[in-house]
Amino acid sequence: MQMTLDISNELAARLHAEQARLPQIFELGLREMDAEGATGFKGLADVLEFLAELPSPEQILALCPSPSLQQEIENLLERSRAVGLCNEEERQWRQYQYIEHLVRKAKIRAATQLAQA
């Protein structure tokens, strides 16, 4: 797909230097925008608070969604497959995906730390 955008000369110069990474830049920007308008990560506050406490590598590797959060994620996935998601559900799904991405990164780092110890 091709798109045409009207942007400032300054932004155009910055983006020109990053041409190869434009898809990634747009993806990260959209994720940031999704998170920016959120009043919170429904059901995920406990995960964010847990990570903010700087847990040990073992604690990070043991991290998993609560049963209620897991059920909510499964419900969204099932609804997505059956009838599709409304805009609010789609936004919530993208937030869950972003948090999962962060948790995976934390688990990779924790596993690396344990392997080096």
C-alpha atoms as a PDB file:
ATOM      1  CA  MET A   1       0.000   0.000   0.000  1.00  0.00           C
ATOM      2  CA  GLN A   2       1.206   3.478  -0.754  1.00  0.00           C
ATOM      3  CA  MET A   3       0.278   6.633   1.116  1.00  0.00           C
ATOM      4  CA  THR A   4       0.906  10.291   0.459  1.00  0.00           C
ATOM      5  CA  LEU A   5       1.361  12.582   3.453  1.00  0.00           C
ATOM      6  CA  ASP A   6       1.718  16.331   3.854  1.00  0.00           C
ATOM      7  CA  ILE A   7       4.432  16.903   6.457  1.00  0.00           C
ATOM      8  CA  SER A   8       6.806  19.686   7.387  1.00  0.00           C
ATOM      9  CA  ASN A   9      10.202  19.957   5.718  1.00  0.00           C
ATOM     10  CA  GLU A  10      11.875  19.333   9.076  1.00  0.00           C
ATOM     11  CA  LEU A  11       9.966  16.097   9.629  1.00  0.00           C
ATOM     12  CA  ALA A  12      10.571  15.043   6.029  1.00  0.00           C
ATOM     13  CA  ALA A  13      14.324  15.463   6.519  1.00  0.00           C
ATOM     14  CA  ARG A  14      14.248  13.413   9.714  1.00  0.00           C
ATOM     15  CA  LEU A  15      12.196  10.660   8.092  1.00  0.00           C
ATOM     16  CA  HIS A  16      14.330  10.591   4.957  1.00  0.00           C
ATOM     17  CA  ALA A  17      17.295   9.516   7.064  1.00  0.00           C
ATOM     18  CA  GLU A  18      15.161   6.676   8.505  1.00  0.00           C
ATOM     19  CA  GLN A  19      13.497   5.525   5.277  1.00  0.00           C
ATOM     20  CA  ALA A  20      14.261   1.849   5.776  1.00  0.00           C
ATOM     21  CA  ARG A  21      12.669   1.920   9.220  1.00  0.00           C
ATOM     22  CA  LEU A  22       9.464   3.808   8.346  1.00  0.00           C
ATOM     23  CA  PRO A  23       7.116   0.833   8.870  1.00  0.00           C
ATOM     24  CA  GLN A  24       8.589   0.266  12.337  1.00  0.00           C
ATOM     25  CA  ILE A  25       8.396   3.987  13.153  1.00  0.00           C
ATOM     26  CA  PHE A  26       4.732   4.106  12.194  1.00  0.00           C
ATOM     27  CA  GLU A  27       3.950   0.919  14.155  1.00  0.00           C
ATOM     28  CA  LEU A  28       5.647   2.225  17.296  1.00  0.00           C
ATOM     29  CA  GLY A  29       3.943   5.574  16.888  1.00  0.00           C
ATOM     30  CA  LEU A  30       0.534   3.938  16.628  1.00  0.00           C
ATOM     31  CA  ARG A  31       1.239   1.845  19.738  1.00  0.00           C
ATOM     32  CA  GLU A  32       2.211   4.971  21.619  1.00  0.00           C
ATOM     33  CA  MET A  33      -0.966   6.729  20.509  1.00  0.00           C
ATOM     34  CA  ASP A  34      -3.071   3.757  21.592  1.00  0.00           C
ATOM     35  CA  ALA A  35      -1.497   3.808  25.031  1.00  0.00           C
ATOM     36  CA  GLU A  36      -1.661   7.604  25.319  1.00  0.00           C
ATOM     37  CA  GLY A  37      -5.430   7.826  25.206  1.00  0.00           C
ATOM     38  CA  ALA A  38      -5.976   4.933  27.567  1.00  0.00           C
ATOM     39  CA  THR A  39      -7.303   5.562  31.039  1.00  0.00           C
ATOM     40  CA  GLY A  40      -5.548   2.423  32.149  1.00  0.00           C
ATOM     41  CA  PHE A  41      -4.865  -1.124  31.159  1.00  0.00           C
ATOM     42  CA  LYS A  42      -8.002  -2.808  32.402  1.00  0.00           C
ATOM     43  CA  GLY A  43      -6.943  -5.975  34.174  1.00  0.00           C
ATOM     44  CA  LEU A  44      -3.258  -5.304  33.585  1.00  0.00           C
ATOM     45  CA  ALA A  45      -2.491  -2.773  36.302  1.00  0.00           C
ATOM     46  CA  ASP A  46      -1.208  -5.599  38.487  1.00  0.00           C
ATOM     47  CA  VAL A  47       1.289  -6.579  35.770  1.00  0.00           C
ATOM     48  CA  LEU A  48       2.559  -3.030  35.400  1.00  0.00           C
ATOM     49  CA  GLU A  49       2.836  -2.578  39.163  1.00  0.00           C
ATOM     50  CA  PHE A  50       4.682  -5.888  39.434  1.00  0.00           C
ATOM     51  CA  LEU A  51       7.255  -4.870  36.817  1.00  0.00           C
ATOM     52  CA  ALA A  52       7.639  -1.425  38.415  1.00  0.00           C
ATOM     53  CA  GLU A  53       8.763  -3.134  41.646  1.00  0.00           C
ATOM     54  CA  LEU A  54      11.849  -4.504  39.823  1.00  0.00           C
ATOM     55  CA  PRO A  55      11.259  -8.170  40.629  1.00  0.00           C
ATOM     56  CA  SER A  56      13.959 -10.840  40.550  1.00  0.00           C
ATOM     57  CA  PRO A  57      14.596 -12.749  37.304  1.00  0.00           C
ATOM     58  CA  GLU A  58      12.881 -15.813  38.806  1.00  0.00           C
ATOM     59  CA  GLN A  59       9.794 -13.763  39.670  1.00  0.00           C
ATOM     60  CA  ILE A  60       9.655 -12.324  36.166  1.00  0.00           C
ATOM     61  CA  LEU A  61       9.894 -15.761  34.562  1.00  0.00           C
ATOM     62  CA  ALA A  62       7.036 -16.985  36.778  1.00  0.00           C
ATOM     63  CA  LEU A  63       4.778 -14.073  35.768  1.00  0.00           C
ATOM     64  CA  CYS A  64       1.525 -15.101  34.090  1.00  0.00           C
ATOM     65  CA  PRO A  65      -1.878 -13.474  33.608  1.00  0.00           C
ATOM     66  CA  SER A  66      -4.427 -13.779  36.370  1.00  0.00           C
ATOM     67  CA  PRO A  67      -7.271 -16.206  35.613  1.00  0.00           C
ATOM     68  CA  SER A  68      -9.705 -13.310  35.105  1.00  0.00           C
ATOM     69  CA  LEU A  69      -7.338 -11.509  32.725  1.00  0.00           C
ATOM     70  CA  GLN A  70      -6.658 -14.729  30.829  1.00  0.00           C
ATOM     71  CA  GLN A  71     -10.408 -15.265  30.466  1.00  0.00           C
ATOM     72  CA  GLU A  72     -10.901 -11.723  29.196  1.00  0.00           C
ATOM     73  CA  ILE A  73      -8.142 -12.187  26.611  1.00  0.00           C
ATOM     74  CA  GLU A  74      -9.646 -15.501  25.480  1.00  0.00           C
ATOM     75  CA  ASN A  75     -13.083 -13.875  25.192  1.00  0.00           C
ATOM     76  CA  LEU A  76     -11.691 -11.107  22.987  1.00  0.00           C
ATOM     77  CA  LEU A  77      -9.848 -13.632  20.833  1.00  0.00           C
ATOM     78  CA  GLU A  78     -12.987 -15.748  20.417  1.00  0.00           C
ATOM     79  CA  ARG A  79     -15.098 -12.690  19.607  1.00  0.00           C
ATOM     80  CA  SER A  80     -12.488 -11.551  17.087  1.00  0.00           C
ATOM     81  CA  ARG A  81     -12.672 -14.885  15.298  1.00  0.00           C
ATOM     82  CA  ALA A  82     -16.469 -15.128  15.421  1.00  0.00           C
ATOM     83  CA  VAL A  83     -17.799 -11.651  14.625  1.00  0.00           C
ATOM     84  CA  GLY A  84     -14.918  -9.212  14.811  1.00  0.00           C
ATOM     85  CA  LEU A  85     -14.130  -6.562  17.373  1.00  0.00           C
ATOM     86  CA  CYS A  86     -15.649  -3.115  17.782  1.00  0.00           C
ATOM     87  CA  ASN A  87     -13.278  -0.137  17.941  1.00  0.00           C
ATOM     88  CA  GLU A  88     -13.036  -0.188  21.745  1.00  0.00           C
ATOM     89  CA  GLU A  89     -12.346  -3.932  21.801  1.00  0.00           C
ATOM     90  CA  GLU A  90      -9.729  -3.536  19.072  1.00  0.00           C
ATOM     91  CA  ARG A  91      -8.009  -0.799  21.105  1.00  0.00           C
ATOM     92  CA  GLN A  92      -8.085  -3.030  24.183  1.00  0.00           C
ATOM     93  CA  TRP A  93      -6.658  -5.952  22.170  1.00  0.00           C
ATOM     94  CA  ARG A  94      -3.771  -3.804  20.918  1.00  0.00           C
ATOM     95  CA  GLN A  95      -3.048  -2.740  24.510  1.00  0.00           C
ATOM     96  CA  TYR A  96      -2.928  -6.373  25.619  1.00  0.00           C
ATOM     97  CA  GLN A  97      -0.572  -7.166  22.753  1.00  0.00           C
ATOM     98  CA  TYR A  98       1.710  -4.295  23.729  1.00  0.00           C
ATOM     99  CA  ILE A  99       1.830  -5.352  27.385  1.00  0.00           C
ATOM    100  CA  GLU A 100       2.504  -8.936  26.319  1.00  0.00           C
ATOM    101  CA  HIS A 101       5.388  -7.639  24.203  1.00  0.00           C
ATOM    102  CA  LEU A 102       6.848  -5.816  27.219  1.00  0.00           C
ATOM    103  CA  VAL A 103       6.477  -8.881  29.449  1.00  0.00           C
ATOM    104  CA  ARG A 104       8.179 -11.071  26.839  1.00  0.00           C
ATOM    105  CA  LYS A 105      11.091  -8.636  26.679  1.00  0.00           C
ATOM    106  CA  ALA A 106      11.339  -8.686  30.482  1.00  0.00           C
ATOM    107  CA  LYS A 107      11.320 -12.500  30.461  1.00  0.00           C
ATOM    108  CA  ILE A 108      14.042 -12.657  27.808  1.00  0.00           C
ATOM    109  CA  ARG A 109      16.192 -10.303  29.857  1.00  0.00           C
ATOM    110  CA  ALA A 110      15.513 -12.313  33.037  1.00  0.00           C
ATOM    111  CA  ALA A 111      16.429 -15.586  31.326  1.00  0.00           C
ATOM    112  CA  THR A 112      19.633 -14.028  30.028  1.00  0.00           C
ATOM    113  CA  GLN A 113      20.540 -12.796  33.506  1.00  0.00           C
ATOM    114  CA  LEU A 114      19.992 -16.251  34.975  1.00  0.00           C
ATOM    115  CA  ALA A 115      22.023 -17.908  32.233  1.00  0.00           C
ATOM    116  CA  GLN A 116      24.939 -15.557  32.876  1.00  0.00           C
ATOM    117  CA  ALA A 117      24.865 -16.111  36.646  1.00  0.00           C
END
